[in-house]
Each structure stands twice: as C-alpha cells, then as structure tokens.
Amino acid sequence: FEVIAGLLVLVGFQTRIAALLLAAFCIAAGFIGHYGQGGGDAMLSFLHQQMLMKDIAISGGSVALAMAGAGAWSVDGRGHRMWNS
C-alpha cells in the first residue's frame, strides 16, 4: 500500500485521495505500533512516543498535501488543462 500510494503522490495521480489514505495509514500504524509500548523502560517508552509523534507529523503533511492538491506538472494537472483548453 505504501509503495503504490507513494507512487500515486509522486506522479500526481489522484493525489488528494492517495494523500488522505496515507494520512489515515500513518495514524493507524503509529497507534498500533507505538502507542503504549515500552514495557516500563523509560528510554524505550520515550523512543516509541517520539516515533508516534513522527507518524502524526507525517500524516499532517499528507493532509496538507491533500488540501493543496497536485501541482501543474502532475498527471491530474495535465489532464485538467487538457480538458479545459
């Protein structure tokens, strides 16, 4: 999923949908993999907390990309120009 959605964002095809799906995936993976982990070890708990915050930050960037949409050089941008010419 990550590879395919990343490629969709890279080329700009269905960027808004792919970015929102990546944001949801990052939040889900972060909470499944890092929330409440550490088992009493303070350093391990801190590292998992930092990784959870990283996943939340990446999802925020993906939401920002979904709000902005694809650029003019993207597949979506080229298709839009072709149909509106």
PDB file of N, CA and C in Angstrom:
ATOM      1  N   PHE A   1       0.817  -1.194   0.000  1.00  0.00           N
ATOM      2  CA  PHE A   1       0.000   0.000   0.000  1.00  0.00           C
ATOM      3  C   PHE A   1       0.862   1.259   0.000  1.00  0.00           C
ATOM      4  N   GLU A   2       1.875   1.268   0.858  1.00  0.00           N
ATOM      5  CA  GLU A   2       2.716   2.460   0.962  1.00  0.00           C
ATOM      6  C   GLU A   2       3.430   2.770  -0.354  1.00  0.00           C
ATOM      7  N   VAL A   3       3.907   1.747  -1.029  1.00  0.00           N
ATOM      8  CA  VAL A   3       4.625   1.953  -2.285  1.00  0.00           C
ATOM      9  C   VAL A   3       3.675   2.479  -3.358  1.00  0.00           C
ATOM     10  N   ILE A   4       2.527   1.866  -3.488  1.00  0.00           N
ATOM     11  CA  ILE A   4       1.576   2.272  -4.522  1.00  0.00           C
ATOM     12  C   ILE A   4       1.049   3.675  -4.257  1.00  0.00           C
ATOM     13  N   ALA A   5       0.641   3.956  -3.018  1.00  0.00           N
ATOM     14  CA  ALA A   5       0.133   5.289  -2.690  1.00  0.00           C
ATOM     15  C   ALA A   5       1.238   6.338  -2.828  1.00  0.00           C
ATOM     16  N   GLY A   6       2.455   5.988  -2.454  1.00  0.00           N
ATOM     17  CA  GLY A   6       3.578   6.908  -2.620  1.00  0.00           C
ATOM     18  C   GLY A   6       3.848   7.228  -4.080  1.00  0.00           C
ATOM     19  N   LEU A   7       3.754   6.217  -4.926  1.00  0.00           N
ATOM     20  CA  LEU A   7       3.937   6.449  -6.365  1.00  0.00           C
ATOM     21  C   LEU A   7       2.819   7.318  -6.941  1.00  0.00           C
ATOM     22  N   LEU A   8       1.594   7.103  -6.459  1.00  0.00           N
ATOM     23  CA  LEU A   8       0.480   7.940  -6.913  1.00  0.00           C
ATOM     24  C   LEU A   8       0.715   9.403  -6.548  1.00  0.00           C
ATOM     25  N   VAL A   9       1.212   9.636  -5.336  1.00  0.00           N
ATOM     26  CA  VAL A   9       1.510  11.008  -4.916  1.00  0.00           C
ATOM     27  C   VAL A   9       2.677  11.562  -5.733  1.00  0.00           C
ATOM     28  N   LEU A  10       3.676  10.734  -5.979  1.00  0.00           N
ATOM     29  CA  LEU A  10       4.852  11.181  -6.710  1.00  0.00           C
ATOM     30  C   LEU A  10       4.512  11.669  -8.116  1.00  0.00           C
ATOM     31  N   VAL A  11       3.694  10.917  -8.829  1.00  0.00           N
ATOM     32  CA  VAL A  11       3.349  11.313 -10.198  1.00  0.00           C
ATOM     33  C   VAL A  11       2.159  12.261 -10.233  1.00  0.00           C
ATOM     34  N   GLY A  12       1.442  12.379  -9.124  1.00  0.00           N
ATOM     35  CA  GLY A  12       0.324  13.302  -9.065  1.00  0.00           C
ATOM     36  C   GLY A  12      -0.961  12.765  -9.638  1.00  0.00           C
ATOM     37  N   PHE A  13      -1.190  11.476  -9.503  1.00  0.00           N
ATOM     38  CA  PHE A  13      -2.431  10.874  -9.978  1.00  0.00           C
ATOM     39  C   PHE A  13      -3.321  10.591  -8.772  1.00  0.00           C
ATOM     40  N   GLN A  14      -4.506  11.195  -8.745  1.00  0.00           N
ATOM     41  CA  GLN A  14      -5.429  11.064  -7.616  1.00  0.00           C
ATOM     42  C   GLN A  14      -4.720  11.418  -6.300  1.00  0.00           C
ATOM     43  N   THR A  15      -4.030  12.548  -6.322  1.00  0.00           N
ATOM     44  CA  THR A  15      -3.179  12.948  -5.203  1.00  0.00           C
ATOM     45  C   THR A  15      -3.969  13.149  -3.925  1.00  0.00           C
ATOM     46  N   ARG A  16      -5.103  13.793  -4.002  1.00  0.00           N
ATOM     47  CA  ARG A  16      -5.877  14.068  -2.787  1.00  0.00           C
ATOM     48  C   ARG A  16      -6.328  12.786  -2.101  1.00  0.00           C
ATOM     49  N   ILE A  17      -6.800  11.836  -2.868  1.00  0.00           N
ATOM     50  CA  ILE A  17      -7.263  10.569  -2.292  1.00  0.00           C
ATOM     51  C   ILE A  17      -6.091   9.793  -1.715  1.00  0.00           C
ATOM     52  N   ALA A  18      -5.012   9.696  -2.476  1.00  0.00           N
ATOM     53  CA  ALA A  18      -3.839   8.949  -2.013  1.00  0.00           C
ATOM     54  C   ALA A  18      -3.243   9.586  -0.762  1.00  0.00           C
ATOM     55  N   ALA A  19      -3.203  10.906  -0.702  1.00  0.00           N
ATOM     56  CA  ALA A  19      -2.642  11.584   0.469  1.00  0.00           C
ATOM     57  C   ALA A  19      -3.515  11.363   1.700  1.00  0.00           C
ATOM     58  N   LEU A  20      -4.817  11.400   1.546  1.00  0.00           N
ATOM     59  CA  LEU A  20      -5.699  11.142   2.690  1.00  0.00           C
ATOM     60  C   LEU A  20      -5.585   9.696   3.170  1.00  0.00           C
ATOM     61  N   LEU A  21      -5.463   8.773   2.239  1.00  0.00           N
ATOM     62  CA  LEU A  21      -5.288   7.370   2.628  1.00  0.00           C
ATOM     63  C   LEU A  21      -3.946   7.160   3.334  1.00  0.00           C
ATOM     64  N   LEU A  22      -2.902   7.832   2.859  1.00  0.00           N
ATOM     65  CA  LEU A  22      -1.604   7.745   3.528  1.00  0.00           C
ATOM     66  C   LEU A  22      -1.661   8.352   4.928  1.00  0.00           C
ATOM     67  N   ALA A  23      -2.398   9.435   5.095  1.00  0.00           N
ATOM     68  CA  ALA A  23      -2.541  10.048   6.418  1.00  0.00           C
ATOM     69  C   ALA A  23      -3.238   9.091   7.376  1.00  0.00           C
ATOM     70  N   ALA A  24      -4.312   8.472   6.926  1.00  0.00           N
ATOM     71  CA  ALA A  24      -5.022   7.512   7.773  1.00  0.00           C
ATOM     72  C   ALA A  24      -4.134   6.314   8.099  1.00  0.00           C
ATOM     73  N   PHE A  25      -3.372   5.871   7.121  1.00  0.00           N
ATOM     74  CA  PHE A  25      -2.468   4.739   7.342  1.00  0.00           C
ATOM     75  C   PHE A  25      -1.402   5.086   8.376  1.00  0.00           C
ATOM     76  N   CYS A  26      -0.832   6.294   8.292  1.00  0.00           N
ATOM     77  CA  CYS A  26       0.209   6.703   9.245  1.00  0.00           C
ATOM     78  C   CYS A  26      -0.336   6.780  10.661  1.00  0.00           C
ATOM     79  N   ILE A  27      -1.532   7.320  10.813  1.00  0.00           N
ATOM     80  CA  ILE A  27      -2.140   7.401  12.150  1.00  0.00           C
ATOM     81  C   ILE A  27      -2.403   5.999  12.699  1.00  0.00           C
ATOM     82  N   ALA A  28      -2.987   5.132  11.867  1.00  0.00           N
ATOM     83  CA  ALA A  28      -3.289   3.774  12.319  1.00  0.00           C
ATOM     84  C   ALA A  28      -2.010   3.006  12.648  1.00  0.00           C
ATOM     85  N   ALA A  29      -1.024   3.080  11.782  1.00  0.00           N
ATOM     86  CA  ALA A  29       0.230   2.359  12.023  1.00  0.00           C
ATOM     87  C   ALA A  29       0.941   2.899  13.257  1.00  0.00           C
ATOM     88  N   GLY A  30       0.888   4.200  13.460  1.00  0.00           N
ATOM     89  CA  GLY A  30       1.522   4.795  14.627  1.00  0.00           C
ATOM     90  C   GLY A  30       0.895   4.326  15.923  1.00  0.00           C
ATOM     91  N   PHE A  31      -0.427   4.328  15.972  1.00  0.00           N
ATOM     92  CA  PHE A  31      -1.078   3.904  17.200  1.00  0.00           C
ATOM     93  C   PHE A  31      -0.966   2.402  17.419  1.00  0.00           C
ATOM     94  N   ILE A  32      -1.020   1.633  16.361  1.00  0.00           N
ATOM     95  CA  ILE A  32      -0.876   0.178  16.512  1.00  0.00           C
ATOM     96  C   ILE A  32       0.550  -0.177  16.926  1.00  0.00           C
ATOM     97  N   GLY A  33       1.524   0.476  16.328  1.00  0.00           N
ATOM     98  CA  GLY A  33       2.905   0.089  16.562  1.00  0.00           C
ATOM     99  C   GLY A  33       3.598   0.764  17.722  1.00  0.00           C
ATOM    100  N   HIS A  34       3.126   1.952  18.124  1.00  0.00           N
ATOM    101  CA  HIS A  34       3.912   2.711  19.092  1.00  0.00           C
ATOM    102  C   HIS A  34       3.167   3.158  20.332  1.00  0.00           C
ATOM    103  N   TYR A  35       1.845   3.200  20.319  1.00  0.00           N
ATOM    104  CA  TYR A  35       1.111   3.722  21.480  1.00  0.00           C
ATOM    105  C   TYR A  35       1.181   2.739  22.646  1.00  0.00           C
ATOM    106  N   GLY A  36       1.661   3.229  23.776  1.00  0.00           N
ATOM    107  CA  GLY A  36       1.707   2.410  24.989  1.00  0.00           C
ATOM    108  C   GLY A  36       2.808   1.380  25.013  1.00  0.00           C
ATOM    109  N   GLN A  37       3.746   1.453  24.095  1.00  0.00           N
ATOM    110  CA  GLN A  37       4.845   0.491  24.066  1.00  0.00           C
ATOM    111  C   GLN A  37       5.965   0.949  24.988  1.00  0.00           C
ATOM    112  N   GLY A  38       6.822   0.054  25.342  1.00  0.00           N
ATOM    113  CA  GLY A  38       7.979   0.391  26.168  1.00  0.00           C
ATOM    114  C   GLY A  38       8.154  -0.551  27.332  1.00  0.00           C
ATOM    115  N   GLY A  39       7.064  -1.064  27.860  1.00  0.00           N
ATOM    116  CA  GLY A  39       7.127  -2.072  28.911  1.00  0.00           C
ATOM    117  C   GLY A  39       7.866  -1.651  30.169  1.00  0.00           C
ATOM    118  N   GLY A  40       7.747  -0.403  30.579  1.00  0.00           N
ATOM    119  CA  GLY A  40       8.382   0.037  31.807  1.00  0.00           C
ATOM    120  C   GLY A  40       9.768   0.621  31.633  1.00  0.00           C
ATOM    121  N   ASP A  41      10.396   0.430  30.509  1.00  0.00           N
ATOM    122  CA  ASP A  41      11.705   1.014  30.241  1.00  0.00           C
ATOM    123  C   ASP A  41      11.498   2.459  29.783  1.00  0.00           C
ATOM    124  N   ALA A  42      12.031   3.401  30.547  1.00  0.00           N
ATOM    125  CA  ALA A  42      11.787   4.816  30.267  1.00  0.00           C
ATOM    126  C   ALA A  42      12.325   5.233  28.900  1.00  0.00           C
ATOM    127  N   MET A  43      13.505   4.773  28.553  1.00  0.00           N
ATOM    128  CA  MET A  43      14.093   5.163  27.269  1.00  0.00           C
ATOM    129  C   MET A  43      13.299   4.577  26.105  1.00  0.00           C
ATOM    130  N   LEU A  44      12.894   3.330  26.218  1.00  0.00           N
ATOM    131  CA  LEU A  44      12.107   2.700  25.156  1.00  0.00           C
ATOM    132  C   LEU A  44      10.747   3.376  25.023  1.00  0.00           C
ATOM    133  N   SER A  45      10.122   3.738  26.140  1.00  0.00           N
ATOM    134  CA  SER A  45       8.841   4.454  26.090  1.00  0.00           C
ATOM    135  C   SER A  45       9.003   5.800  25.407  1.00  0.00           C
ATOM    136  N   PHE A  46      10.096   6.493  25.715  1.00  0.00           N
ATOM    137  CA  PHE A  46      10.362   7.787  25.090  1.00  0.00           C
ATOM    138  C   PHE A  46      10.546   7.633  23.585  1.00  0.00           C
ATOM    139  N   LEU A  47      11.288   6.620  23.164  1.00  0.00           N
ATOM    140  CA  LEU A  47      11.513   6.408  21.729  1.00  0.00           C
ATOM    141  C   LEU A  47      10.220   6.086  20.997  1.00  0.00           C
ATOM    142  N   HIS A  48       9.364   5.269  21.615  1.00  0.00           N
ATOM    143  CA  HIS A  48       8.086   4.955  20.979  1.00  0.00           C
ATOM    144  C   HIS A  48       7.198   6.190  20.913  1.00  0.00           C
ATOM    145  N   GLN A  49       7.249   7.039  21.947  1.00  0.00           N
ATOM    146  CA  GLN A  49       6.480   8.270  21.920  1.00  0.00           C
ATOM    147  C   GLN A  49       6.960   9.169  20.789  1.00  0.00           C
ATOM    148  N   GLN A  50       8.263   9.261  20.603  1.00  0.00           N
ATOM    149  CA  GLN A  50       8.812  10.077  19.521  1.00  0.00           C
ATOM    150  C   GLN A  50       8.411   9.521  18.153  1.00  0.00           C
ATOM    151  N   MET A  51       8.418   8.210  17.999  1.00  0.00           N
ATOM    152  CA  MET A  51       8.021   7.608  16.717  1.00  0.00           C
ATOM    153  C   MET A  51       6.538   7.826  16.447  1.00  0.00           C
ATOM    154  N   LEU A  52       5.715   7.807  17.502  1.00  0.00           N
ATOM    155  CA  LEU A  52       4.291   8.097  17.336  1.00  0.00           C
ATOM    156  C   LEU A  52       4.099   9.540  16.885  1.00  0.00           C
ATOM    157  N   MET A  53       4.825  10.468  17.499  1.00  0.00           N
ATOM    158  CA  MET A  53       4.736  11.875  17.095  1.00  0.00           C
ATOM    159  C   MET A  53       5.215  12.079  15.657  1.00  0.00           C
ATOM    160  N   LYS A  54       6.229  11.320  15.241  1.00  0.00           N
ATOM    161  CA  LYS A  54       6.706  11.388  13.853  1.00  0.00           C
ATOM    162  C   LYS A  54       5.611  10.938  12.893  1.00  0.00           C
ATOM    163  N   ASP A  55       4.924   9.847  13.227  1.00  0.00           N
ATOM    164  CA  ASP A  55       3.845   9.356  12.370  1.00  0.00           C
ATOM    165  C   ASP A  55       2.704  10.366  12.291  1.00  0.00           C
ATOM    166  N   ILE A  56       2.407  11.028  13.400  1.00  0.00           N
ATOM    167  CA  ILE A  56       1.356  12.050  13.394  1.00  0.00           C
ATOM    168  C   ILE A  56       1.784  13.238  12.540  1.00  0.00           C
ATOM    169  N   ALA A  57       3.060  13.620  12.611  1.00  0.00           N
ATOM    170  CA  ALA A  57       3.561  14.726  11.794  1.00  0.00           C
ATOM    171  C   ALA A  57       3.501  14.388  10.307  1.00  0.00           C
ATOM    172  N   ILE A  58       3.861  13.172   9.948  1.00  0.00           N
ATOM    173  CA  ILE A  58       3.794  12.760   8.541  1.00  0.00           C
ATOM    174  C   ILE A  58       2.352  12.780   8.055  1.00  0.00           C
ATOM    175  N   SER A  59       1.427  12.349   8.891  1.00  0.00           N
ATOM    176  CA  SER A  59       0.023  12.378   8.487  1.00  0.00           C
ATOM    177  C   SER A  59      -0.462  13.818   8.328  1.00  0.00           C
ATOM    178  N   GLY A  60       0.053  14.739   9.145  1.00  0.00           N
ATOM    179  CA  GLY A  60      -0.292  16.147   8.979  1.00  0.00           C
ATOM    180  C   GLY A  60       0.200  16.691   7.650  1.00  0.00           C
ATOM    181  N   GLY A  61       1.393  16.305   7.250  1.00  0.00           N
ATOM    182  CA  GLY A  61       1.902  16.704   5.945  1.00  0.00           C
ATOM    183  C   GLY A  61       1.079  16.123   4.811  1.00  0.00           C
ATOM    184  N   SER A  62       0.624  14.902   4.991  1.00  0.00           N
ATOM    185  CA  SER A  62      -0.219  14.276   3.965  1.00  0.00           C
ATOM    186  C   SER A  62      -1.568  14.981   3.861  1.00  0.00           C
ATOM    187  N   VAL A  63      -2.125  15.399   4.988  1.00  0.00           N
ATOM    188  CA  VAL A  63      -3.390  16.146   4.953  1.00  0.00           C
ATOM    189  C   VAL A  63      -3.181  17.495   4.272  1.00  0.00           C
ATOM    190  N   ALA A  64      -2.053  18.158   4.552  1.00  0.00           N
ATOM    191  CA  ALA A  64      -1.751  19.425   3.886  1.00  0.00           C
ATOM    192  C   ALA A  64      -1.636  19.231   2.377  1.00  0.00           C
ATOM    193  N   LEU A  65      -1.007  18.140   1.954  1.00  0.00           N
ATOM    194  CA  LEU A  65      -0.910  17.839   0.527  1.00  0.00           C
ATOM    195  C   LEU A  65      -2.293  17.579  -0.064  1.00  0.00           C
ATOM    196  N   ALA A  66      -3.141  16.886   0.679  1.00  0.00           N
ATOM    197  CA  ALA A  66      -4.495  16.629   0.191  1.00  0.00           C
ATOM    198  C   ALA A  66      -5.287  17.921   0.052  1.00  0.00           C
ATOM    199  N   MET A  67      -5.061  18.857   0.948  1.00  0.00           N
ATOM    200  CA  MET A  67      -5.765  20.142   0.866  1.00  0.00           C
ATOM    201  C   MET A  67      -5.257  20.970  -0.319  1.00  0.00           C
ATOM    202  N   ALA A  68      -3.953  20.951  -0.555  1.00  0.00           N
ATOM    203  CA  ALA A  68      -3.370  21.749  -1.636  1.00  0.00           C
ATOM    204  C   ALA A  68      -3.615  21.119  -3.000  1.00  0.00           C
ATOM    205  N   GLY A  69      -3.626  19.812  -3.056  1.00  0.00           N
ATOM    206  CA  GLY A  69      -3.826  19.127  -4.322  1.00  0.00           C
ATOM    207  C   GLY A  69      -2.538  19.000  -5.112  1.00  0.00           C
ATOM    208  N   ALA A  70      -2.646  18.419  -6.262  1.00  0.00           N
ATOM    209  CA  ALA A  70      -1.489  18.191  -7.125  1.00  0.00           C
ATOM    210  C   ALA A  70      -1.083  19.480  -7.823  1.00  0.00           C
ATOM    211  N   GLY A  71       0.151  19.543  -8.231  1.00  0.00           N
ATOM    212  CA  GLY A  71       0.660  20.725  -8.926  1.00  0.00           C
ATOM    213  C   GLY A  71       0.332  20.706 -10.407  1.00  0.00           C
ATOM    214  N   ALA A  72       0.803  21.720 -11.087  1.00  0.00           N
ATOM    215  CA  ALA A  72       0.509  21.873 -12.518  1.00  0.00           C
ATOM    216  C   ALA A  72       1.206  20.821 -13.364  1.00  0.00           C
ATOM    217  N   TRP A  73       2.325  20.290 -12.879  1.00  0.00           N
ATOM    218  CA  TRP A  73       3.071  19.298 -13.660  1.00  0.00           C
ATOM    219  C   TRP A  73       2.617  17.873 -13.376  1.00  0.00           C
ATOM    220  N   SER A  74       1.634  17.684 -12.564  1.00  0.00           N
ATOM    221  CA  SER A  74       1.178  16.345 -12.197  1.00  0.00           C
ATOM    222  C   SER A  74       0.292  15.762 -13.294  1.00  0.00           C
ATOM    223  N   VAL A  75       0.010  14.485 -13.177  1.00  0.00           N
ATOM    224  CA  VAL A  75      -0.902  13.828 -14.115  1.00  0.00           C
ATOM    225  C   VAL A  75      -2.282  14.463 -14.011  1.00  0.00           C
ATOM    226  N   ASP A  76      -2.735  14.722 -12.784  1.00  0.00           N
ATOM    227  CA  ASP A  76      -4.039  15.360 -12.603  1.00  0.00           C
ATOM    228  C   ASP A  76      -4.051  16.772 -13.191  1.00  0.00           C
ATOM    229  N   GLY A  77      -2.978  17.519 -13.007  1.00  0.00           N
ATOM    230  CA  GLY A  77      -2.905  18.883 -13.533  1.00  0.00           C
ATOM    231  C   GLY A  77      -2.887  18.917 -15.045  1.00  0.00           C
ATOM    232  N   ARG A  78      -2.175  17.996 -15.644  1.00  0.00           N
ATOM    233  CA  ARG A  78      -2.127  17.934 -17.117  1.00  0.00           C
ATOM    234  C   ARG A  78      -3.481  17.528 -17.689  1.00  0.00           C
ATOM    235  N   GLY A  79      -4.150  16.592 -17.046  1.00  0.00           N
ATOM    236  CA  GLY A  79      -5.460  16.186 -17.505  1.00  0.00           C
ATOM    237  C   GLY A  79      -6.485  17.294 -17.390  1.00  0.00           C
ATOM    238  N   HIS A  80      -6.379  18.079 -16.310  1.00  0.00           N
ATOM    239  CA  HIS A  80      -7.290  19.195 -16.120  1.00  0.00           C
ATOM    240  C   HIS A  80      -7.104  20.253 -17.202  1.00  0.00           C
ATOM    241  N   ARG A  81      -5.840  20.546 -17.540  1.00  0.00           N
ATOM    242  CA  ARG A  81      -5.566  21.534 -18.589  1.00  0.00           C
ATOM    243  C   ARG A  81      -6.028  21.019 -19.948  1.00  0.00           C
ATOM    244  N   MET A  82      -5.864  19.717 -20.169  1.00  0.00           N
ATOM    245  CA  MET A  82      -6.226  19.161 -21.476  1.00  0.00           C
ATOM    246  C   MET A  82      -7.739  19.261 -21.686  1.00  0.00           C
ATOM    247  N   TRP A  83      -8.523  19.019 -20.633  1.00  0.00           N
ATOM    248  CA  TRP A  83      -9.968  19.039 -20.782  1.00  0.00           C
ATOM    249  C   TRP A  83     -10.538  20.437 -20.806  1.00  0.00           C
ATOM    250  N   ASN A  84      -9.830  21.410 -20.226  1.00  0.00           N
ATOM    251  CA  ASN A  84     -10.336  22.780 -20.175  1.00  0.00           C
ATOM    252  C   ASN A  84      -9.760  23.688 -21.260  1.00  0.00           C
ATOM    253  N   SER A  85      -9.000  23.164 -22.200  1.00  0.00           N
ATOM    254  CA  SER A  85      -8.412  24.006 -23.250  1.00  0.00           C
ATOM    255  C   SER A  85      -9.426  24.380 -24.299  1.00  0.00           C
TER     256      SER A  85
END
